[in-house]
Amino acid sequence: MTLAEDLVNTYSIVRNVEKMPDVAALSALFDAHDIRPPAPLTEADLAAARELRPVLREVFGAPDEATAVSLLNAVLSDRRAQPHYTDHDGSWHLHVAAPDAPAVDQYAVNAAMGLLTVVTTGGMERLHVCVGNRCAEVFVDTSRNQSRRFCSPQICGNRATAAAHRARRKAAGAAT
């Protein structure tokens, strides 16, 4: 999963369920993506992360690449992205967030850069909202033929297959 997917999917718009209820959950999300806060996370950080979610969700539903890139450029600008190379771990690599940036800004900038890479190299066709009946999670389709329709083939895909099977059986039963 990408940073953007993971953050956006911490809230279910279909079920109105908060999946990032506290600072500890935010901290776990940051840990999962190797974001090291310069200071302990606070309720303000949690609020900032929650405010970022709908902005990133909007990118997944953008009507075209220009809109998506504009939204992501705004994230970079608002979070004062500062590209720089560092060798803090022994090899040179690019960081985009300022070294002393708040953790949510680091997350936002890295998520925006990830989505920009997808949009500019793979196209908007790679960004999706799950078509599952009870789902609206977002995902990046990394399949070769870009045919993924569900966030999880094992969950949403299986639900859709089972529902289609039940509908066919019901229609066959009604026809006899």
C-alpha atoms as a PDB file:
ATOM      1  CA  MET A   1       0.000   0.000   0.000  1.00  0.00           C
ATOM      2  CA  THR A   2       1.058   3.575  -0.535  1.00  0.00           C
ATOM      3  CA  LEU A   3       1.199   6.287   2.075  1.00  0.00           C
ATOM      4  CA  ALA A   4      -1.775   8.027   0.468  1.00  0.00           C
ATOM      5  CA  GLU A   5      -3.875   4.844   0.385  1.00  0.00           C
ATOM      6  CA  ASP A   6      -3.116   4.030   3.978  1.00  0.00           C
ATOM      7  CA  LEU A   7      -4.054   7.483   5.243  1.00  0.00           C
ATOM      8  CA  VAL A   8      -7.175   7.910   3.108  1.00  0.00           C
ATOM      9  CA  ASN A   9      -8.422   4.464   4.085  1.00  0.00           C
ATOM     10  CA  THR A  10      -8.225   5.282   7.806  1.00  0.00           C
ATOM     11  CA  TYR A  11     -11.768   6.617   7.432  1.00  0.00           C
ATOM     12  CA  SER A  12     -14.664   4.714   5.879  1.00  0.00           C
ATOM     13  CA  ILE A  13     -16.953   7.182   4.123  1.00  0.00           C
ATOM     14  CA  VAL A  14     -19.483   4.414   3.419  1.00  0.00           C
ATOM     15  CA  ARG A  15     -19.821   3.348   7.047  1.00  0.00           C
ATOM     16  CA  ASN A  16     -18.789   6.669   8.642  1.00  0.00           C
ATOM     17  CA  VAL A  17     -16.193   4.798  10.712  1.00  0.00           C
ATOM     18  CA  GLU A  18     -12.995   6.377  12.015  1.00  0.00           C
ATOM     19  CA  LYS A  19     -10.132   3.872  11.788  1.00  0.00           C
ATOM     20  CA  MET A  20      -7.547   6.299  13.198  1.00  0.00           C
ATOM     21  CA  PRO A  21      -9.213   7.138  16.511  1.00  0.00           C
ATOM     22  CA  ASP A  22      -6.248   8.434  18.450  1.00  0.00           C
ATOM     23  CA  VAL A  23      -2.634   9.569  18.447  1.00  0.00           C
ATOM     24  CA  ALA A  24      -1.457   5.987  19.021  1.00  0.00           C
ATOM     25  CA  ALA A  25      -3.088   4.899  15.739  1.00  0.00           C
ATOM     26  CA  LEU A  26      -1.457   7.831  13.935  1.00  0.00           C
ATOM     27  CA  SER A  27       1.874   6.868  15.453  1.00  0.00           C
ATOM     28  CA  ALA A  28       1.422   3.278  14.234  1.00  0.00           C
ATOM     29  CA  LEU A  29       0.660   4.568  10.721  1.00  0.00           C
ATOM     30  CA  PHE A  30       3.815   6.675  10.738  1.00  0.00           C
ATOM     31  CA  ASP A  31       5.873   3.768  12.074  1.00  0.00           C
ATOM     32  CA  ALA A  32       4.545   1.547   9.275  1.00  0.00           C
ATOM     33  CA  HIS A  33       5.926   4.040   6.757  1.00  0.00           C
ATOM     34  CA  ASP A  34       9.155   4.791   8.582  1.00  0.00           C
ATOM     35  CA  ILE A  35       8.185   8.406   9.322  1.00  0.00           C
ATOM     36  CA  ARG A  36      10.074   9.473  12.426  1.00  0.00           C
ATOM     37  CA  PRO A  37       8.431  12.451  14.137  1.00  0.00           C
ATOM     38  CA  PRO A  38      10.868  15.112  15.345  1.00  0.00           C
ATOM     39  CA  ALA A  39       8.672  15.447  18.463  1.00  0.00           C
ATOM     40  CA  PRO A  40       6.006  13.297  20.132  1.00  0.00           C
ATOM     41  CA  LEU A  41       2.754  13.299  18.176  1.00  0.00           C
ATOM     42  CA  THR A  42      -0.136  15.325  19.552  1.00  0.00           C
ATOM     43  CA  GLU A  43      -3.869  15.760  19.057  1.00  0.00           C
ATOM     44  CA  ALA A  44      -2.993  18.637  16.699  1.00  0.00           C
ATOM     45  CA  ASP A  45      -0.997  16.198  14.549  1.00  0.00           C
ATOM     46  CA  LEU A  46      -3.974  13.834  14.521  1.00  0.00           C
ATOM     47  CA  ALA A  47      -6.260  16.675  13.438  1.00  0.00           C
ATOM     48  CA  ALA A  48      -3.810  17.695  10.689  1.00  0.00           C
ATOM     49  CA  ALA A  49      -3.630  14.118   9.382  1.00  0.00           C
ATOM     50  CA  ARG A  50      -7.419  13.897   9.343  1.00  0.00           C
ATOM     51  CA  GLU A  51      -7.587  17.173   7.399  1.00  0.00           C
ATOM     52  CA  LEU A  52      -5.163  15.772   4.820  1.00  0.00           C
ATOM     53  CA  ARG A  53      -7.294  12.680   4.126  1.00  0.00           C
ATOM     54  CA  PRO A  54     -10.028  14.316   2.008  1.00  0.00           C
ATOM     55  CA  VAL A  55      -7.419  16.196  -0.029  1.00  0.00           C
ATOM     56  CA  LEU A  56      -5.664  12.951  -0.929  1.00  0.00           C
ATOM     57  CA  ARG A  57      -9.014  11.187  -1.509  1.00  0.00           C
ATOM     58  CA  GLU A  58      -9.902  13.925  -3.997  1.00  0.00           C
ATOM     59  CA  VAL A  59      -6.820  13.005  -6.036  1.00  0.00           C
ATOM     60  CA  PHE A  60      -8.117   9.433  -6.470  1.00  0.00           C
ATOM     61  CA  GLY A  61     -11.374  10.805  -7.868  1.00  0.00           C
ATOM     62  CA  ALA A  62      -9.856  13.615  -9.929  1.00  0.00           C
ATOM     63  CA  PRO A  63     -11.321  13.884 -13.431  1.00  0.00           C
ATOM     64  CA  ASP A  64      -7.937  14.196 -15.122  1.00  0.00           C
ATOM     65  CA  GLU A  65      -4.190  14.288 -14.608  1.00  0.00           C
ATOM     66  CA  ALA A  66      -3.995  18.097 -14.609  1.00  0.00           C
ATOM     67  CA  THR A  67      -6.452  18.295 -11.703  1.00  0.00           C
ATOM     68  CA  ALA A  68      -4.656  15.564  -9.758  1.00  0.00           C
ATOM     69  CA  VAL A  69      -1.253  17.191 -10.293  1.00  0.00           C
ATOM     70  CA  SER A  70      -2.643  20.580  -9.267  1.00  0.00           C
ATOM     71  CA  LEU A  71      -4.040  19.120  -6.040  1.00  0.00           C
ATOM     72  CA  LEU A  72      -0.757  17.376  -5.262  1.00  0.00           C
ATOM     73  CA  ASN A  73       1.323  20.443  -6.077  1.00  0.00           C
ATOM     74  CA  ALA A  74      -0.811  22.347  -3.576  1.00  0.00           C
ATOM     75  CA  VAL A  75      -0.015  19.732  -0.917  1.00  0.00           C
ATOM     76  CA  LEU A  76       3.698  20.156  -1.628  1.00  0.00           C
ATOM     77  CA  SER A  77       3.442  23.931  -1.511  1.00  0.00           C
ATOM     78  CA  ASP A  78       1.266  24.028   1.621  1.00  0.00           C
ATOM     79  CA  ARG A  79       3.689  21.700   3.424  1.00  0.00           C
ATOM     80  CA  ARG A  80       6.757  23.668   2.280  1.00  0.00           C
ATOM     81  CA  ALA A  81       8.415  20.786   0.469  1.00  0.00           C
ATOM     82  CA  GLN A  82      12.173  21.148   0.363  1.00  0.00           C
ATOM     83  CA  PRO A  83      13.847  18.568  -1.871  1.00  0.00           C
ATOM     84  CA  HIS A  84      17.338  17.675  -0.703  1.00  0.00           C
ATOM     85  CA  TYR A  85      19.734  14.768  -0.866  1.00  0.00           C
ATOM     86  CA  THR A  86      21.038  13.129   2.272  1.00  0.00           C
ATOM     87  CA  ASP A  87      23.304  10.246   3.175  1.00  0.00           C
ATOM     88  CA  HIS A  88      22.091   9.813   6.747  1.00  0.00           C
ATOM     89  CA  ASP A  89      21.922   6.044   6.296  1.00  0.00           C
ATOM     90  CA  GLY A  90      25.140   5.634   4.329  1.00  0.00           C
ATOM     91  CA  SER A  91      23.794   6.035   0.802  1.00  0.00           C
ATOM     92  CA  TRP A  92      22.664   9.165  -1.016  1.00  0.00           C
ATOM     93  CA  HIS A  93      18.924   9.501  -1.576  1.00  0.00           C
ATOM     94  CA  LEU A  94      16.304  12.185  -2.028  1.00  0.00           C
ATOM     95  CA  HIS A  95      14.152  13.514   0.775  1.00  0.00           C
ATOM     96  CA  VAL A  96      11.385  15.926  -0.085  1.00  0.00           C
ATOM     97  CA  ALA A  97      10.249  17.174   3.307  1.00  0.00           C
ATOM     98  CA  ALA A  98      12.408  19.596   5.226  1.00  0.00           C
ATOM     99  CA  PRO A  99      14.529  17.731   7.797  1.00  0.00           C
ATOM    100  CA  ASP A 100      12.812  19.501  10.699  1.00  0.00           C
ATOM    101  CA  ALA A 101       9.289  19.380   9.214  1.00  0.00           C
ATOM    102  CA  PRO A 102       6.458  18.215  11.454  1.00  0.00           C
ATOM    103  CA  ALA A 103       5.667  14.537  11.041  1.00  0.00           C
ATOM    104  CA  VAL A 104       2.340  15.144   9.295  1.00  0.00           C
ATOM    105  CA  ASP A 105       4.075  17.429   6.787  1.00  0.00           C
ATOM    106  CA  GLN A 106       6.668  14.726   6.145  1.00  0.00           C
ATOM    107  CA  TYR A 107       3.894  12.202   5.584  1.00  0.00           C
ATOM    108  CA  ALA A 108       1.915  14.578   3.353  1.00  0.00           C
ATOM    109  CA  VAL A 109       4.887  15.454   1.163  1.00  0.00           C
ATOM    110  CA  ASN A 110       5.948  11.828   0.764  1.00  0.00           C
ATOM    111  CA  ALA A 111       2.366  10.771  -0.033  1.00  0.00           C
ATOM    112  CA  ALA A 112       2.033  13.571  -2.589  1.00  0.00           C
ATOM    113  CA  MET A 113       5.317  12.639  -4.252  1.00  0.00           C
ATOM    114  CA  GLY A 114       4.253   8.999  -4.421  1.00  0.00           C
ATOM    115  CA  LEU A 115       0.949   9.886  -6.058  1.00  0.00           C
ATOM    116  CA  LEU A 116       2.655  12.339  -8.417  1.00  0.00           C
ATOM    117  CA  THR A 117       4.969   9.539  -9.516  1.00  0.00           C
ATOM    118  CA  VAL A 118       2.009   7.235 -10.176  1.00  0.00           C
ATOM    119  CA  VAL A 119       0.034   9.898 -12.061  1.00  0.00           C
ATOM    120  CA  THR A 120       2.926  11.134 -14.171  1.00  0.00           C
ATOM    121  CA  THR A 121       4.367   7.720 -15.033  1.00  0.00           C
ATOM    122  CA  GLY A 122       1.343   5.409 -15.005  1.00  0.00           C
ATOM    123  CA  GLY A 123      -1.522   7.822 -15.545  1.00  0.00           C
ATOM    124  CA  MET A 124      -4.748   8.473 -13.695  1.00  0.00           C
ATOM    125  CA  GLU A 125      -5.932   5.017 -14.781  1.00  0.00           C
ATOM    126  CA  ARG A 126      -3.861   3.613 -11.898  1.00  0.00           C
ATOM    127  CA  LEU A 127      -5.828   5.483  -9.196  1.00  0.00           C
ATOM    128  CA  HIS A 128      -9.136   3.920  -8.184  1.00  0.00           C
ATOM    129  CA  VAL A 129     -11.940   3.915  -5.680  1.00  0.00           C
ATOM    130  CA  CYS A 130     -13.147   0.385  -4.906  1.00  0.00           C
ATOM    131  CA  VAL A 131     -16.357  -0.558  -6.739  1.00  0.00           C
ATOM    132  CA  GLY A 132     -17.347  -2.948  -3.956  1.00  0.00           C
ATOM    133  CA  ASN A 133     -20.952  -2.644  -2.843  1.00  0.00           C
ATOM    134  CA  ARG A 134     -20.125  -1.641   0.733  1.00  0.00           C
ATOM    135  CA  CYS A 135     -16.755  -0.042   0.146  1.00  0.00           C
ATOM    136  CA  ALA A 136     -15.174   3.185  -1.046  1.00  0.00           C
ATOM    137  CA  GLU A 137     -11.546   2.581  -0.158  1.00  0.00           C
ATOM    138  CA  VAL A 138      -8.919   3.884  -2.534  1.00  0.00           C
ATOM    139  CA  PHE A 139      -6.074   1.959  -4.111  1.00  0.00           C
ATOM    140  CA  VAL A 140      -3.335   2.184  -6.687  1.00  0.00           C
ATOM    141  CA  ASP A 141      -3.761  -0.488  -9.367  1.00  0.00           C
ATOM    142  CA  THR A 142      -0.323  -1.950  -9.921  1.00  0.00           C
ATOM    143  CA  SER A 143      -1.553  -4.838 -12.059  1.00  0.00           C
ATOM    144  CA  ARG A 144       0.025  -5.196 -15.467  1.00  0.00           C
ATOM    145  CA  ASN A 145      -3.233  -4.822 -17.396  1.00  0.00           C
ATOM    146  CA  GLN A 146      -4.779  -2.248 -15.041  1.00  0.00           C
ATOM    147  CA  SER A 147      -7.850  -4.416 -14.536  1.00  0.00           C
ATOM    148  CA  ARG A 148      -8.226  -4.241 -10.767  1.00  0.00           C
ATOM    149  CA  ARG A 149     -11.630  -3.009  -9.625  1.00  0.00           C
ATOM    150  CA  PHE A 150     -11.603  -3.875  -5.952  1.00  0.00           C
ATOM    151  CA  CYS A 151      -9.392  -2.701  -3.096  1.00  0.00           C
ATOM    152  CA  SER A 152      -9.109  -6.315  -2.020  1.00  0.00           C
ATOM    153  CA  PRO A 153      -9.895  -9.199  -4.379  1.00  0.00           C
ATOM    154  CA  GLN A 154     -10.182 -11.459  -1.321  1.00  0.00           C
ATOM    155  CA  ILE A 155     -12.779  -9.309   0.440  1.00  0.00           C
ATOM    156  CA  CYS A 156     -14.633  -6.934  -1.875  1.00  0.00           C
ATOM    157  CA  GLY A 157     -13.982  -9.083  -4.950  1.00  0.00           C
ATOM    158  CA  ASN A 158     -15.297 -12.217  -3.241  1.00  0.00           C
ATOM    159  CA  ARG A 159     -18.377 -10.351  -1.972  1.00  0.00           C
ATOM    160  CA  ALA A 160     -19.161  -9.191  -5.510  1.00  0.00           C
ATOM    161  CA  THR A 161     -18.649 -12.694  -6.922  1.00  0.00           C
ATOM    162  CA  ALA A 162     -20.898 -14.224  -4.256  1.00  0.00           C
ATOM    163  CA  ALA A 163     -23.595 -11.584  -4.820  1.00  0.00           C
ATOM    164  CA  ALA A 164     -23.501 -12.188  -8.582  1.00  0.00           C
ATOM    165  CA  HIS A 165     -23.766 -15.934  -7.981  1.00  0.00           C
ATOM    166  CA  ARG A 166     -26.778 -15.485  -5.674  1.00  0.00           C
ATOM    167  CA  ALA A 167     -28.441 -13.202  -8.226  1.00  0.00           C
ATOM    168  CA  ARG A 168     -27.943 -15.759 -11.017  1.00  0.00           C
ATOM    169  CA  ARG A 169     -29.364 -18.555  -8.841  1.00  0.00           C
ATOM    170  CA  LYS A 170     -32.347 -16.411  -7.879  1.00  0.00           C
ATOM    171  CA  ALA A 171     -32.981 -15.476 -11.522  1.00  0.00           C
ATOM    172  CA  ALA A 172     -32.689 -19.136 -12.597  1.00  0.00           C
ATOM    173  CA  GLY A 173     -35.106 -20.157  -9.846  1.00  0.00           C
ATOM    174  CA  ALA A 174     -37.610 -17.480 -10.841  1.00  0.00           C
ATOM    175  CA  ALA A 175     -37.414 -18.570 -14.494  1.00  0.00           C
ATOM    176  CA  THR A 176     -38.449 -22.146 -13.700  1.00  0.00           C
END
